[in-house]
PDB file of all heavy atoms in Angstrom:
ATOM      1  N   THR A   1     -17.461   8.484  14.865  1.00  0.00           N
ATOM      2  CA  THR A   1     -18.556   8.998  15.687  1.00  0.00           C
ATOM      3  C   THR A   1     -18.929   7.924  16.736  1.00  0.00           C
ATOM      4  O   THR A   1     -18.818   6.742  16.479  1.00  0.00           O
ATOM      5  CB  THR A   1     -19.779   9.254  14.782  1.00  0.00           C
ATOM      6  OG1 THR A   1     -19.364  10.028  13.679  1.00  0.00           O
ATOM      7  CG2 THR A   1     -20.888   9.990  15.512  1.00  0.00           C
ATOM      8  N   ASP A   2     -19.406   8.377  17.913  1.00  0.00           N
ATOM      9  CA  ASP A   2     -19.917   7.439  18.912  1.00  0.00           C
ATOM     10  C   ASP A   2     -21.231   6.841  18.378  1.00  0.00           C
ATOM     11  O   ASP A   2     -22.057   7.542  17.782  1.00  0.00           O
ATOM     12  CB  ASP A   2     -20.174   8.170  20.238  1.00  0.00           C
ATOM     13  CG  ASP A   2     -18.856   8.437  20.952  1.00  0.00           C
ATOM     14  OD1 ASP A   2     -17.809   8.169  20.355  1.00  0.00           O
ATOM     15  OD2 ASP A   2     -18.904   8.943  22.112  1.00  0.00           O
ATOM     16  N   VAL A   3     -21.429   5.527  18.667  1.00  0.00           N
ATOM     17  CA  VAL A   3     -22.578   4.804  18.107  1.00  0.00           C
ATOM     18  C   VAL A   3     -23.273   3.972  19.171  1.00  0.00           C
ATOM     19  O   VAL A   3     -22.647   3.336  20.016  1.00  0.00           O
ATOM     20  CB  VAL A   3     -22.082   3.813  16.985  1.00  0.00           C
ATOM     21  CG1 VAL A   3     -23.220   2.951  16.497  1.00  0.00           C
ATOM     22  CG2 VAL A   3     -21.485   4.573  15.816  1.00  0.00           C
ATOM     23  N   ILE A   4     -24.641   3.999  19.117  1.00  0.00           N
ATOM     24  CA  ILE A   4     -25.412   3.055  19.879  1.00  0.00           C
ATOM     25  C   ILE A   4     -26.105   2.159  18.822  1.00  0.00           C
ATOM     26  O   ILE A   4     -26.900   2.652  18.058  1.00  0.00           O
ATOM     27  CB  ILE A   4     -26.502   3.745  20.741  1.00  0.00           C
ATOM     28  CG1 ILE A   4     -25.850   4.703  21.729  1.00  0.00           C
ATOM     29  CG2 ILE A   4     -27.353   2.717  21.470  1.00  0.00           C
ATOM     30  CD1 ILE A   4     -26.889   5.504  22.545  1.00  0.00           C
ATOM     31  N   GLY A   5     -25.721   0.916  18.811  1.00  0.00           N
ATOM     32  CA  GLY A   5     -26.260   0.026  17.763  1.00  0.00           C
ATOM     33  C   GLY A   5     -27.226  -0.988  18.345  1.00  0.00           C
ATOM     34  O   GLY A   5     -26.957  -1.635  19.346  1.00  0.00           O
ATOM     35  N   GLN A   6     -28.373  -1.104  17.674  1.00  0.00           N
ATOM     36  CA  GLN A   6     -29.398  -2.054  18.173  1.00  0.00           C
ATOM     37  C   GLN A   6     -29.993  -2.787  16.980  1.00  0.00           C
ATOM     38  O   GLN A   6     -30.390  -2.187  16.003  1.00  0.00           O
ATOM     39  CB  GLN A   6     -30.498  -1.238  18.892  1.00  0.00           C
ATOM     40  CG  GLN A   6     -31.556  -2.103  19.479  1.00  0.00           C
ATOM     41  CD  GLN A   6     -32.639  -1.299  20.201  1.00  0.00           C
ATOM     42  OE1 GLN A   6     -32.561  -0.087  20.247  1.00  0.00           O
ATOM     43  NE2 GLN A   6     -33.621  -1.930  20.721  1.00  0.00           N
ATOM     44  N   ALA A   7     -29.946  -4.115  17.059  1.00  0.00           N
ATOM     45  CA  ALA A   7     -30.547  -4.947  15.980  1.00  0.00           C
ATOM     46  C   ALA A   7     -30.900  -6.276  16.568  1.00  0.00           C
ATOM     47  O   ALA A   7     -30.377  -6.678  17.639  1.00  0.00           O
ATOM     48  CB  ALA A   7     -29.528  -5.088  14.861  1.00  0.00           C
ATOM     49  N   LYS A   8     -31.782  -7.028  15.912  1.00  0.00           N
ATOM     50  CA  LYS A   8     -32.208  -8.300  16.390  1.00  0.00           C
ATOM     51  C   LYS A   8     -30.960  -9.219  16.503  1.00  0.00           C
ATOM     52  O   LYS A   8     -30.030  -9.076  15.766  1.00  0.00           O
ATOM     53  CB  LYS A   8     -33.172  -8.968  15.351  1.00  0.00           C
ATOM     54  CG  LYS A   8     -34.529  -8.336  15.360  1.00  0.00           C
ATOM     55  CD  LYS A   8     -35.404  -8.981  14.353  1.00  0.00           C
ATOM     56  CE  LYS A   8     -36.732  -8.213  14.224  1.00  0.00           C
ATOM     57  NZ  LYS A   8     -37.624  -8.789  13.224  1.00  0.00           N
ATOM     58  N   THR A   9     -31.056 -10.157  17.417  1.00  0.00           N
ATOM     59  CA  THR A   9     -29.956 -11.099  17.592  1.00  0.00           C
ATOM     60  C   THR A   9     -29.845 -11.962  16.332  1.00  0.00           C
ATOM     61  O   THR A   9     -30.833 -12.342  15.726  1.00  0.00           O
ATOM     62  CB  THR A   9     -30.192 -11.938  18.871  1.00  0.00           C
ATOM     63  OG1 THR A   9     -29.103 -12.814  19.067  1.00  0.00           O
ATOM     64  CG2 THR A   9     -31.467 -12.747  18.830  1.00  0.00           C
ATOM     65  N   GLY A  10     -28.588 -12.260  15.949  1.00  0.00           N
ATOM     66  CA  GLY A  10     -28.371 -13.055  14.765  1.00  0.00           C
ATOM     67  C   GLY A  10     -28.256 -12.250  13.488  1.00  0.00           C
ATOM     68  O   GLY A  10     -28.375 -12.808  12.423  1.00  0.00           O
ATOM     69  N   THR A  11     -28.066 -10.951  13.615  1.00  0.00           N
ATOM     70  CA  THR A  11     -27.995 -10.119  12.370  1.00  0.00           C
ATOM     71  C   THR A  11     -26.579  -9.572  12.117  1.00  0.00           C
ATOM     72  O   THR A  11     -26.424  -8.685  11.265  1.00  0.00           O
ATOM     73  CB  THR A  11     -29.013  -8.941  12.457  1.00  0.00           C
ATOM     74  OG1 THR A  11     -28.820  -8.283  13.687  1.00  0.00           O
ATOM     75  CG2 THR A  11     -30.426  -9.462  12.384  1.00  0.00           C
ATOM     76  N   GLY A  12     -25.590  -9.999  12.840  1.00  0.00           N
ATOM     77  CA  GLY A  12     -24.213  -9.653  12.490  1.00  0.00           C
ATOM     78  C   GLY A  12     -23.658  -8.408  13.156  1.00  0.00           C
ATOM     79  O   GLY A  12     -22.905  -7.669  12.558  1.00  0.00           O
ATOM     80  N   LYS A  13     -24.058  -8.212  14.429  1.00  0.00           N
ATOM     81  CA  LYS A  13     -23.533  -7.001  15.136  1.00  0.00           C
ATOM     82  C   LYS A  13     -22.014  -7.052  15.330  1.00  0.00           C
ATOM     83  O   LYS A  13     -21.380  -6.009  15.326  1.00  0.00           O
ATOM     84  CB  LYS A  13     -24.239  -6.846  16.494  1.00  0.00           C
ATOM     85  CG  LYS A  13     -25.738  -6.456  16.390  1.00  0.00           C
ATOM     86  CD  LYS A  13     -26.309  -6.036  17.692  1.00  0.00           C
ATOM     87  CE  LYS A  13     -26.452  -7.198  18.653  1.00  0.00           C
ATOM     88  NZ  LYS A  13     -27.418  -8.206  18.245  1.00  0.00           N
ATOM     89  N   THR A  14     -21.467  -8.262  15.464  1.00  0.00           N
ATOM     90  CA  THR A  14     -20.016  -8.355  15.778  1.00  0.00           C
ATOM     91  C   THR A  14     -19.188  -7.667  14.707  1.00  0.00           C
ATOM     92  O   THR A  14     -18.280  -6.911  15.022  1.00  0.00           O
ATOM     93  CB  THR A  14     -19.560  -9.850  15.886  1.00  0.00           C
ATOM     94  OG1 THR A  14     -20.449 -10.490  16.799  1.00  0.00           O
ATOM     95  CG2 THR A  14     -18.145  -9.941  16.338  1.00  0.00           C
ATOM     96  N   LEU A  15     -19.513  -7.878  13.415  1.00  0.00           N
ATOM     97  CA  LEU A  15     -18.737  -7.210  12.385  1.00  0.00           C
ATOM     98  C   LEU A  15     -19.145  -5.758  12.248  1.00  0.00           C
ATOM     99  O   LEU A  15     -18.350  -4.943  11.718  1.00  0.00           O
ATOM    100  CB  LEU A  15     -18.858  -7.948  11.047  1.00  0.00           C
ATOM    101  CG  LEU A  15     -18.178  -9.327  11.061  1.00  0.00           C
ATOM    102  CD1 LEU A  15     -18.284 -10.007   9.697  1.00  0.00           C
ATOM    103  CD2 LEU A  15     -16.714  -9.258  11.472  1.00  0.00           C
ATOM    104  N   GLY A  16     -20.348  -5.400  12.724  1.00  0.00           N
ATOM    105  CA  GLY A  16     -20.782  -4.000  12.722  1.00  0.00           C
ATOM    106  C   GLY A  16     -19.822  -3.133  13.519  1.00  0.00           C
ATOM    107  O   GLY A  16     -19.492  -2.016  13.112  1.00  0.00           O
ATOM    108  N   PHE A  17     -19.337  -3.676  14.636  1.00  0.00           N
ATOM    109  CA  PHE A  17     -18.325  -2.877  15.399  1.00  0.00           C
ATOM    110  C   PHE A  17     -16.922  -3.395  15.097  1.00  0.00           C
ATOM    111  O   PHE A  17     -15.973  -2.670  15.217  1.00  0.00           O
ATOM    112  CB  PHE A  17     -18.591  -2.874  16.899  1.00  0.00           C
ATOM    113  CG  PHE A  17     -18.517  -4.235  17.582  1.00  0.00           C
ATOM    114  CD1 PHE A  17     -17.294  -4.850  17.816  1.00  0.00           C
ATOM    115  CD2 PHE A  17     -19.679  -4.871  18.040  1.00  0.00           C
ATOM    116  CE1 PHE A  17     -17.213  -6.070  18.462  1.00  0.00           C
ATOM    117  CE2 PHE A  17     -19.578  -6.122  18.695  1.00  0.00           C
ATOM    118  CZ  PHE A  17     -18.350  -6.707  18.879  1.00  0.00           C
ATOM    119  N   GLY A  18     -16.795  -4.667  14.700  1.00  0.00           N
ATOM    120  CA  GLY A  18     -15.475  -5.255  14.480  1.00  0.00           C
ATOM    121  C   GLY A  18     -14.693  -4.665  13.342  1.00  0.00           C
ATOM    122  O   GLY A  18     -13.499  -4.345  13.483  1.00  0.00           O
ATOM    123  N   LEU A  19     -15.346  -4.469  12.209  1.00  0.00           N
ATOM    124  CA  LEU A  19     -14.604  -3.931  11.048  1.00  0.00           C
ATOM    125  C   LEU A  19     -14.091  -2.510  11.311  1.00  0.00           C
ATOM    126  O   LEU A  19     -12.941  -2.254  10.978  1.00  0.00           O
ATOM    127  CB  LEU A  19     -15.503  -4.009   9.819  1.00  0.00           C
ATOM    128  CG  LEU A  19     -15.876  -5.444   9.369  1.00  0.00           C
ATOM    129  CD1 LEU A  19     -16.780  -5.421   8.144  1.00  0.00           C
ATOM    130  CD2 LEU A  19     -14.661  -6.254   9.100  1.00  0.00           C
ATOM    131  N   PRO A  20     -14.895  -1.580  11.815  1.00  0.00           N
ATOM    132  CA  PRO A  20     -14.348  -0.230  12.127  1.00  0.00           C
ATOM    133  C   PRO A  20     -13.145  -0.301  13.078  1.00  0.00           C
ATOM    134  O   PRO A  20     -12.191   0.410  12.889  1.00  0.00           O
ATOM    135  CB  PRO A  20     -15.528   0.487  12.755  1.00  0.00           C
ATOM    136  CG  PRO A  20     -16.762  -0.191  12.190  1.00  0.00           C
ATOM    137  CD  PRO A  20     -16.367  -1.629  12.064  1.00  0.00           C
ATOM    138  N   LEU A  21     -13.237  -1.210  14.092  1.00  0.00           N
ATOM    139  CA  LEU A  21     -12.117  -1.358  15.031  1.00  0.00           C
ATOM    140  C   LEU A  21     -10.841  -1.799  14.293  1.00  0.00           C
ATOM    141  O   LEU A  21      -9.770  -1.205  14.478  1.00  0.00           O
ATOM    142  CB  LEU A  21     -12.396  -2.384  16.104  1.00  0.00           C
ATOM    143  CG  LEU A  21     -13.391  -2.093  17.209  1.00  0.00           C
ATOM    144  CD1 LEU A  21     -13.307  -3.144  18.288  1.00  0.00           C
ATOM    145  CD2 LEU A  21     -13.128  -0.711  17.804  1.00  0.00           C
ATOM    146  N   LEU A  22     -11.015  -2.801  13.409  1.00  0.00           N
ATOM    147  CA  LEU A  22      -9.836  -3.374  12.744  1.00  0.00           C
ATOM    148  C   LEU A  22      -9.256  -2.301  11.760  1.00  0.00           C
ATOM    149  O   LEU A  22      -8.055  -2.280  11.537  1.00  0.00           O
ATOM    150  CB  LEU A  22     -10.237  -4.649  11.972  1.00  0.00           C
ATOM    151  CG  LEU A  22     -10.703  -5.812  12.870  1.00  0.00           C
ATOM    152  CD1 LEU A  22     -11.328  -6.917  12.052  1.00  0.00           C
ATOM    153  CD2 LEU A  22      -9.552  -6.344  13.708  1.00  0.00           C
ATOM    154  N   GLU A  23     -10.108  -1.474  11.242  1.00  0.00           N
ATOM    155  CA  GLU A  23      -9.636  -0.440  10.334  1.00  0.00           C
ATOM    156  C   GLU A  23      -8.871   0.699  11.107  1.00  0.00           C
ATOM    157  O   GLU A  23      -7.959   1.258  10.587  1.00  0.00           O
ATOM    158  CB  GLU A  23     -10.829   0.238   9.610  1.00  0.00           C
ATOM    159  CG  GLU A  23     -11.330  -0.556   8.408  1.00  0.00           C
ATOM    160  CD  GLU A  23     -10.328  -0.633   7.297  1.00  0.00           C
ATOM    161  OE1 GLU A  23      -9.786   0.414   6.915  1.00  0.00           O
ATOM    162  OE2 GLU A  23     -10.057  -1.744   6.806  1.00  0.00           O
ATOM    163  N   ARG A  24      -9.305   0.922  12.323  1.00  0.00           N
ATOM    164  CA  ARG A  24      -8.730   2.062  13.061  1.00  0.00           C
ATOM    165  C   ARG A  24      -7.364   1.758  13.692  1.00  0.00           C
ATOM    166  O   ARG A  24      -6.604   2.692  13.918  1.00  0.00           O
ATOM    167  CB  ARG A  24      -9.706   2.525  14.180  1.00  0.00           C
ATOM    168  CG  ARG A  24     -10.961   3.119  13.617  1.00  0.00           C
ATOM    169  CD  ARG A  24     -11.622   4.053  14.601  1.00  0.00           C
ATOM    170  NE  ARG A  24     -10.766   5.174  14.970  1.00  0.00           N
ATOM    171  CZ  ARG A  24     -11.079   6.053  15.903  1.00  0.00           C
ATOM    172  NH1 ARG A  24     -12.237   5.951  16.505  1.00  0.00           N
ATOM    173  NH2 ARG A  24     -10.311   7.041  16.226  1.00  0.00           N
ATOM    174  N   VAL A  25      -7.090   0.498  13.953  1.00  0.00           N
ATOM    175  CA  VAL A  25      -5.808   0.202  14.557  1.00  0.00           C
ATOM    176  C   VAL A  25      -4.693   0.349  13.508  1.00  0.00           C
ATOM    177  O   VAL A  25      -4.889   0.039  12.363  1.00  0.00           O
ATOM    178  CB  VAL A  25      -5.737  -1.194  15.228  1.00  0.00           C
ATOM    179  CG1 VAL A  25      -6.770  -1.333  16.299  1.00  0.00           C
ATOM    180  CG2 VAL A  25      -5.935  -2.321  14.204  1.00  0.00           C
ATOM    181  N   VAL A  26      -3.543   0.847  13.962  1.00  0.00           N
ATOM    182  CA  VAL A  26      -2.414   1.033  13.064  1.00  0.00           C
ATOM    183  C   VAL A  26      -1.477  -0.178  13.198  1.00  0.00           C
ATOM    184  O   VAL A  26      -1.051  -0.549  14.273  1.00  0.00           O
ATOM    185  CB  VAL A  26      -1.628   2.339  13.427  1.00  0.00           C
ATOM    186  CG1 VAL A  26      -0.408   2.499  12.502  1.00  0.00           C
ATOM    187  CG2 VAL A  26      -2.546   3.539  13.355  1.00  0.00           C
ATOM    188  N   VAL A  27      -1.236  -0.883  12.032  1.00  0.00           N
ATOM    189  CA  VAL A  27      -0.363  -2.039  12.052  1.00  0.00           C
ATOM    190  C   VAL A  27       0.770  -1.837  11.078  1.00  0.00           C
ATOM    191  O   VAL A  27       0.681  -0.917  10.240  1.00  0.00           O
ATOM    192  CB  VAL A  27      -1.209  -3.357  11.660  1.00  0.00           C
ATOM    193  CG1 VAL A  27      -2.208  -3.665  12.724  1.00  0.00           C
ATOM    194  CG2 VAL A  27      -1.889  -3.139  10.326  1.00  0.00           C
ATOM    195  N   PRO A  28       1.827  -2.634  11.163  1.00  0.00           N
ATOM    196  CA  PRO A  28       2.992  -2.431  10.266  1.00  0.00           C
ATOM    197  C   PRO A  28       2.601  -2.295   8.789  1.00  0.00           C
ATOM    198  O   PRO A  28       3.216  -1.557   8.028  1.00  0.00           O
ATOM    199  CB  PRO A  28       3.889  -3.656  10.561  1.00  0.00           C
ATOM    200  CG  PRO A  28       3.556  -4.011  11.949  1.00  0.00           C
ATOM    201  CD  PRO A  28       2.123  -3.685  12.167  1.00  0.00           C
ATOM    202  N   ALA A  29       1.572  -3.051   8.388  1.00  0.00           N
ATOM    203  CA  ALA A  29       1.152  -3.020   6.956  1.00  0.00           C
ATOM    204  C   ALA A  29       0.764  -1.576   6.543  1.00  0.00           C
ATOM    205  O   ALA A  29       0.988  -1.173   5.402  1.00  0.00           O
ATOM    206  CB  ALA A  29      -0.024  -3.945   6.725  1.00  0.00           C
ATOM    207  N   ASP A  30       0.193  -0.796   7.467  1.00  0.00           N
ATOM    208  CA  ASP A  30      -0.196   0.574   7.152  1.00  0.00           C
ATOM    209  C   ASP A  30       1.019   1.432   6.928  1.00  0.00           C
ATOM    210  O   ASP A  30       1.003   2.339   6.088  1.00  0.00           O
ATOM    211  CB  ASP A  30      -1.020   1.167   8.300  1.00  0.00           C
ATOM    212  CG  ASP A  30      -2.320   0.423   8.491  1.00  0.00           C
ATOM    213  OD1 ASP A  30      -2.829  -0.147   7.496  1.00  0.00           O
ATOM    214  OD2 ASP A  30      -2.862   0.387   9.652  1.00  0.00           O
ATOM    215  N   VAL A  31       2.086   1.184   7.712  1.00  0.00           N
ATOM    216  CA  VAL A  31       3.313   1.966   7.587  1.00  0.00           C
ATOM    217  C   VAL A  31       3.958   1.704   6.224  1.00  0.00           C
ATOM    218  O   VAL A  31       4.366   2.606   5.451  1.00  0.00           O
ATOM    219  CB  VAL A  31       4.285   1.717   8.743  1.00  0.00           C
ATOM    220  CG1 VAL A  31       5.592   2.481   8.568  1.00  0.00           C
ATOM    221  CG2 VAL A  31       3.652   2.037  10.109  1.00  0.00           C
ATOM    222  N   GLU A  32       3.991   0.386   5.880  1.00  0.00           N
ATOM    223  CA  GLU A  32       4.556  -0.027   4.604  1.00  0.00           C
ATOM    224  C   GLU A  32       3.799   0.628   3.431  1.00  0.00           C
ATOM    225  O   GLU A  32       4.378   1.022   2.421  1.00  0.00           O
ATOM    226  CB  GLU A  32       4.535  -1.557   4.453  1.00  0.00           C
ATOM    227  CG  GLU A  32       5.585  -2.259   5.319  1.00  0.00           C
ATOM    228  CD  GLU A  32       5.253  -3.734   5.533  1.00  0.00           C
ATOM    229  OE1 GLU A  32       4.548  -4.299   4.667  1.00  0.00           O
ATOM    230  OE2 GLU A  32       5.656  -4.279   6.570  1.00  0.00           O
ATOM    231  N   ALA A  33       2.482   0.699   3.574  1.00  0.00           N
ATOM    232  CA  ALA A  33       1.667   1.255   2.486  1.00  0.00           C
ATOM    233  C   ALA A  33       1.641   2.786   2.479  1.00  0.00           C
ATOM    234  O   ALA A  33       1.021   3.418   1.627  1.00  0.00           O
ATOM    235  CB  ALA A  33       0.234   0.729   2.584  1.00  0.00           C
ATOM    236  N   GLY A  34       2.278   3.374   3.503  1.00  0.00           N
ATOM    237  CA  GLY A  34       2.376   4.806   3.552  1.00  0.00           C
ATOM    238  C   GLY A  34       1.121   5.494   4.124  1.00  0.00           C
ATOM    239  O   GLY A  34       0.947   6.730   4.018  1.00  0.00           O
ATOM    240  N   ARG A  35       0.205   4.685   4.712  1.00  0.00           N
ATOM    241  CA  ARG A  35      -1.004   5.278   5.288  1.00  0.00           C
ATOM    242  C   ARG A  35      -0.733   5.857   6.680  1.00  0.00           C
ATOM    243  O   ARG A  35      -1.496   6.653   7.134  1.00  0.00           O
ATOM    244  CB  ARG A  35      -2.095   4.177   5.404  1.00  0.00           C
ATOM    245  CG  ARG A  35      -2.769   3.828   4.096  1.00  0.00           C
ATOM    246  CD  ARG A  35      -4.011   2.960   4.349  1.00  0.00           C
ATOM    247  NE  ARG A  35      -3.686   1.682   4.963  1.00  0.00           N
ATOM    248  CZ  ARG A  35      -3.467   0.560   4.248  1.00  0.00           C
ATOM    249  NH1 ARG A  35      -3.510   0.609   2.939  1.00  0.00           N
ATOM    250  NH2 ARG A  35      -3.191  -0.551   4.885  1.00  0.00           N
ATOM    251  N   SER A  36       0.300   5.359   7.318  1.00  0.00           N
ATOM    252  CA  SER A  36       0.624   5.846   8.668  1.00  0.00           C
ATOM    253  C   SER A  36       2.136   6.029   8.804  1.00  0.00           C
ATOM    254  O   SER A  36       2.900   5.516   7.986  1.00  0.00           O
ATOM    255  CB  SER A  36       0.159   4.793   9.705  1.00  0.00           C
ATOM    256  OG  SER A  36      -1.171   4.471   9.498  1.00  0.00           O
ATOM    257  N   THR A  37       2.529   6.712   9.866  1.00  0.00           N
ATOM    258  CA  THR A  37       3.953   6.939  10.128  1.00  0.00           C
ATOM    259  C   THR A  37       4.431   5.971  11.183  1.00  0.00           C
ATOM    260  O   THR A  37       3.580   5.493  12.021  1.00  0.00           O
ATOM    261  CB  THR A  37       4.211   8.404  10.620  1.00  0.00           C
ATOM    262  OG1 THR A  37       3.395   8.582  11.777  1.00  0.00           O
ATOM    263  CG2 THR A  37       3.864   9.405   9.526  1.00  0.00           C
ATOM    264  N   PRO A  38       5.719   5.603  11.200  1.00  0.00           N
ATOM    265  CA  PRO A  38       6.209   4.593  12.182  1.00  0.00           C
ATOM    266  C   PRO A  38       5.938   4.989  13.608  1.00  0.00           C
ATOM    267  O   PRO A  38       5.704   4.128  14.466  1.00  0.00           O
ATOM    268  CB  PRO A  38       7.699   4.560  11.912  1.00  0.00           C
ATOM    269  CG  PRO A  38       7.839   5.028  10.496  1.00  0.00           C
ATOM    270  CD  PRO A  38       6.716   6.014  10.242  1.00  0.00           C
ATOM    271  N   ASP A  39       5.895   6.297  13.910  1.00  0.00           N
ATOM    272  CA  ASP A  39       5.677   6.679  15.329  1.00  0.00           C
ATOM    273  C   ASP A  39       4.254   6.430  15.816  1.00  0.00           C
ATOM    274  O   ASP A  39       3.951   6.515  16.978  1.00  0.00           O
ATOM    275  CB  ASP A  39       6.042   8.168  15.515  1.00  0.00           C
ATOM    276  CG  ASP A  39       5.191   9.084  14.628  1.00  0.00           C
ATOM    277  OD1 ASP A  39       4.876   8.640  13.537  1.00  0.00           O
ATOM    278  OD2 ASP A  39       4.863  10.237  15.054  1.00  0.00           O
ATOM    279  N   GLN A  40       3.366   6.073  14.836  1.00  0.00           N
ATOM    280  CA  GLN A  40       1.980   5.737  15.289  1.00  0.00           C
ATOM    281  C   GLN A  40       1.866   4.275  15.689  1.00  0.00           C
ATOM    282  O   GLN A  40       0.819   3.880  16.243  1.00  0.00           O
ATOM    283  CB  GLN A  40       0.987   5.990  14.105  1.00  0.00           C
ATOM    284  CG  GLN A  40       0.794   7.488  13.834  1.00  0.00           C
ATOM    285  CD  GLN A  40      -0.123   7.705  12.612  1.00  0.00           C
ATOM    286  OE1 GLN A  40       0.260   7.441  11.486  1.00  0.00           O
ATOM    287  NE2 GLN A  40      -1.318   8.158  12.853  1.00  0.00           N
ATOM    288  N   LEU A  41       2.883   3.479  15.442  1.00  0.00           N
ATOM    289  CA  LEU A  41       2.826   2.091  15.849  1.00  0.00           C
ATOM    290  C   LEU A  41       3.040   1.976  17.334  1.00  0.00           C
ATOM    291  O   LEU A  41       3.773   2.703  17.955  1.00  0.00           O
ATOM    292  CB  LEU A  41       3.928   1.296  15.161  1.00  0.00           C
ATOM    293  CG  LEU A  41       3.724   0.951  13.690  1.00  0.00           C
ATOM    294  CD1 LEU A  41       4.974   0.251  13.130  1.00  0.00           C
ATOM    295  CD2 LEU A  41       2.517   0.006  13.506  1.00  0.00           C
ATOM    296  N   THR A  42       2.298   1.012  17.976  1.00  0.00           N
ATOM    297  CA  THR A  42       2.444   0.793  19.417  1.00  0.00           C
ATOM    298  C   THR A  42       2.163  -0.667  19.726  1.00  0.00           C
ATOM    299  O   THR A  42       1.455  -1.320  18.973  1.00  0.00           O
ATOM    300  CB  THR A  42       1.505   1.684  20.225  1.00  0.00           C
ATOM    301  OG1 THR A  42       1.552   1.324  21.613  1.00  0.00           O
ATOM    302  CG2 THR A  42       0.058   1.571  19.757  1.00  0.00           C
TER     303      THR A  42
END
């Protein structure tokens, strides 16, 4: 979902958006684990 995130400075916003980004990208490890197909790699 699209998100507008607002919180005081120093409360960890970087990982608030960083972790979902890192989860969404398809990497070779995902193909090995069977979570993704090779054609999704780029």
